[in-house]
Amino acid sequence: MSANHFNEATLSHPAGAIYLAVSNIGQVGLAINENSKLTGVEVRPDGLVRLERETGWTVINPSEVMAVAWRSDTEQTEGQFL
């Protein structure tokens, strides 16, 4: 496995959602739960990031992402922001 690819064995499976603030689009949310696990993350050779879930995949241009937040379904916190 390359340093730019993480598979299901290296990812934990908390329930919650990832929110991205994307330039020219707005807020994008990805639910992560028992029925829609994050199974892989890959930085592609073209620099785009591919997020794989059991229900499909998403490709994100990291240069367009202005903020990232994680909101847990199990913890009563404000979330984690990057």
C-alpha atoms as a PDB file:
ATOM      1  CA  MET A   1       0.000   0.000   0.000  1.00  0.00           C
ATOM      2  CA  SER A   2       1.384   3.419  -0.911  1.00  0.00           C
ATOM      3  CA  ALA A   3       1.676   6.288   1.538  1.00  0.00           C
ATOM      4  CA  ASN A   4      -1.160   7.997  -0.352  1.00  0.00           C
ATOM      5  CA  HIS A   5      -3.742   5.231   0.109  1.00  0.00           C
ATOM      6  CA  PHE A   6      -5.556   4.038   3.229  1.00  0.00           C
ATOM      7  CA  ASN A   7      -7.902   1.084   3.178  1.00  0.00           C
ATOM      8  CA  GLU A   8     -10.643  -0.149   5.489  1.00  0.00           C
ATOM      9  CA  ALA A   9      -8.172  -1.932   7.753  1.00  0.00           C
ATOM     10  CA  THR A  10      -6.469   1.375   8.617  1.00  0.00           C
ATOM     11  CA  LEU A  11      -9.661   3.397   9.164  1.00  0.00           C
ATOM     12  CA  SER A  12     -11.828   3.357  12.277  1.00  0.00           C
ATOM     13  CA  HIS A  13     -15.599   3.414  11.867  1.00  0.00           C
ATOM     14  CA  PRO A  14     -17.128   6.096  14.052  1.00  0.00           C
ATOM     15  CA  ALA A  15     -20.625   7.271  13.183  1.00  0.00           C
ATOM     16  CA  GLY A  16     -21.077  10.869  12.132  1.00  0.00           C
ATOM     17  CA  ALA A  17     -20.558  13.137   9.183  1.00  0.00           C
ATOM     18  CA  ILE A  18     -17.733  14.917   7.401  1.00  0.00           C
ATOM     19  CA  TYR A  19     -18.605  18.435   6.235  1.00  0.00           C
ATOM     20  CA  LEU A  20     -16.525  20.308   3.666  1.00  0.00           C
ATOM     21  CA  ALA A  21     -16.792  23.982   2.759  1.00  0.00           C
ATOM     22  CA  VAL A  22     -15.965  23.969  -0.949  1.00  0.00           C
ATOM     23  CA  SER A  23     -15.212  27.089  -2.992  1.00  0.00           C
ATOM     24  CA  ASN A  24     -17.974  27.985  -5.494  1.00  0.00           C
ATOM     25  CA  ILE A  25     -20.177  25.106  -4.221  1.00  0.00           C
ATOM     26  CA  GLY A  26     -20.835  25.610  -0.513  1.00  0.00           C
ATOM     27  CA  GLN A  27     -21.219  22.948   2.158  1.00  0.00           C
ATOM     28  CA  VAL A  28     -20.883  19.300   1.167  1.00  0.00           C
ATOM     29  CA  GLY A  29     -21.691  16.564   3.692  1.00  0.00           C
ATOM     30  CA  LEU A  30     -20.754  12.890   3.728  1.00  0.00           C
ATOM     31  CA  ALA A  31     -22.566  10.676   6.243  1.00  0.00           C
ATOM     32  CA  ILE A  32     -20.451   7.938   7.793  1.00  0.00           C
ATOM     33  CA  ASN A  33     -22.353   5.233   9.678  1.00  0.00           C
ATOM     34  CA  GLU A  34     -22.775   1.480   9.968  1.00  0.00           C
ATOM     35  CA  ASN A  35     -24.559   1.360   6.584  1.00  0.00           C
ATOM     36  CA  SER A  36     -22.208   3.764   4.818  1.00  0.00           C
ATOM     37  CA  LYS A  37     -18.680   3.174   6.101  1.00  0.00           C
ATOM     38  CA  LEU A  38     -15.639   5.049   4.862  1.00  0.00           C
ATOM     39  CA  THR A  39     -13.643   2.189   3.325  1.00  0.00           C
ATOM     40  CA  GLY A  40     -10.769   3.989   1.639  1.00  0.00           C
ATOM     41  CA  VAL A  41      -9.002   7.295   1.104  1.00  0.00           C
ATOM     42  CA  GLU A  42      -6.561   7.850  -1.746  1.00  0.00           C
ATOM     43  CA  VAL A  43      -4.568  10.840  -2.961  1.00  0.00           C
ATOM     44  CA  ARG A  44      -4.588  10.274  -6.717  1.00  0.00           C
ATOM     45  CA  PRO A  45      -1.587  11.032  -8.989  1.00  0.00           C
ATOM     46  CA  ASP A  46      -3.450  14.105 -10.301  1.00  0.00           C
ATOM     47  CA  GLY A  47      -3.679  15.471  -6.721  1.00  0.00           C
ATOM     48  CA  LEU A  48      -7.406  14.847  -6.279  1.00  0.00           C
ATOM     49  CA  VAL A  49      -8.609  12.917  -3.209  1.00  0.00           C
ATOM     50  CA  ARG A  50     -10.905   9.910  -3.628  1.00  0.00           C
ATOM     51  CA  LEU A  51     -13.092   8.941  -0.642  1.00  0.00           C
ATOM     52  CA  GLU A  52     -14.547   5.444  -0.968  1.00  0.00           C
ATOM     53  CA  ARG A  53     -17.635   4.307   0.913  1.00  0.00           C
ATOM     54  CA  GLU A  54     -19.628   1.092   0.787  1.00  0.00           C
ATOM     55  CA  THR A  55     -22.330   2.996  -1.109  1.00  0.00           C
ATOM     56  CA  GLY A  56     -20.066   4.695  -3.665  1.00  0.00           C
ATOM     57  CA  TRP A  57     -17.199   7.141  -3.963  1.00  0.00           C
ATOM     58  CA  THR A  58     -16.479  10.854  -4.128  1.00  0.00           C
ATOM     59  CA  VAL A  59     -13.550  12.719  -5.682  1.00  0.00           C
ATOM     60  CA  ILE A  60     -12.580  16.045  -4.127  1.00  0.00           C
ATOM     61  CA  ASN A  61     -10.196  18.738  -5.341  1.00  0.00           C
ATOM     62  CA  PRO A  62      -8.345  19.686  -2.118  1.00  0.00           C
ATOM     63  CA  SER A  63      -7.389  23.104  -3.518  1.00  0.00           C
ATOM     64  CA  GLU A  64     -11.112  24.018  -3.496  1.00  0.00           C
ATOM     65  CA  VAL A  65     -11.693  22.933   0.135  1.00  0.00           C
ATOM     66  CA  MET A  66     -11.689  25.866   2.526  1.00  0.00           C
ATOM     67  CA  ALA A  67     -12.644  24.016   5.743  1.00  0.00           C
ATOM     68  CA  VAL A  68     -13.337  20.491   7.004  1.00  0.00           C
ATOM     69  CA  ALA A  69     -15.413  19.485  10.039  1.00  0.00           C
ATOM     70  CA  TRP A  70     -16.169  16.123  11.662  1.00  0.00           C
ATOM     71  CA  ARG A  71     -19.382  15.804  13.667  1.00  0.00           C
ATOM     72  CA  SER A  72     -19.793  12.625  15.703  1.00  0.00           C
ATOM     73  CA  ASP A  73     -23.202  10.987  16.114  1.00  0.00           C
ATOM     74  CA  THR A  74     -22.099   9.432  19.399  1.00  0.00           C
ATOM     75  CA  GLU A  75     -20.427  12.371  21.187  1.00  0.00           C
ATOM     76  CA  GLN A  76     -22.186  15.515  22.361  1.00  0.00           C
ATOM     77  CA  THR A  77     -19.495  17.964  21.211  1.00  0.00           C
ATOM     78  CA  GLU A  78     -19.313  20.814  18.755  1.00  0.00           C
ATOM     79  CA  GLY A  79     -17.221  18.623  16.436  1.00  0.00           C
ATOM     80  CA  GLN A  80     -13.652  18.806  15.214  1.00  0.00           C
ATOM     81  CA  PHE A  81     -12.677  21.445  12.699  1.00  0.00           C
ATOM     82  CA  LEU A  82      -9.661  21.642  10.401  1.00  0.00           C
END
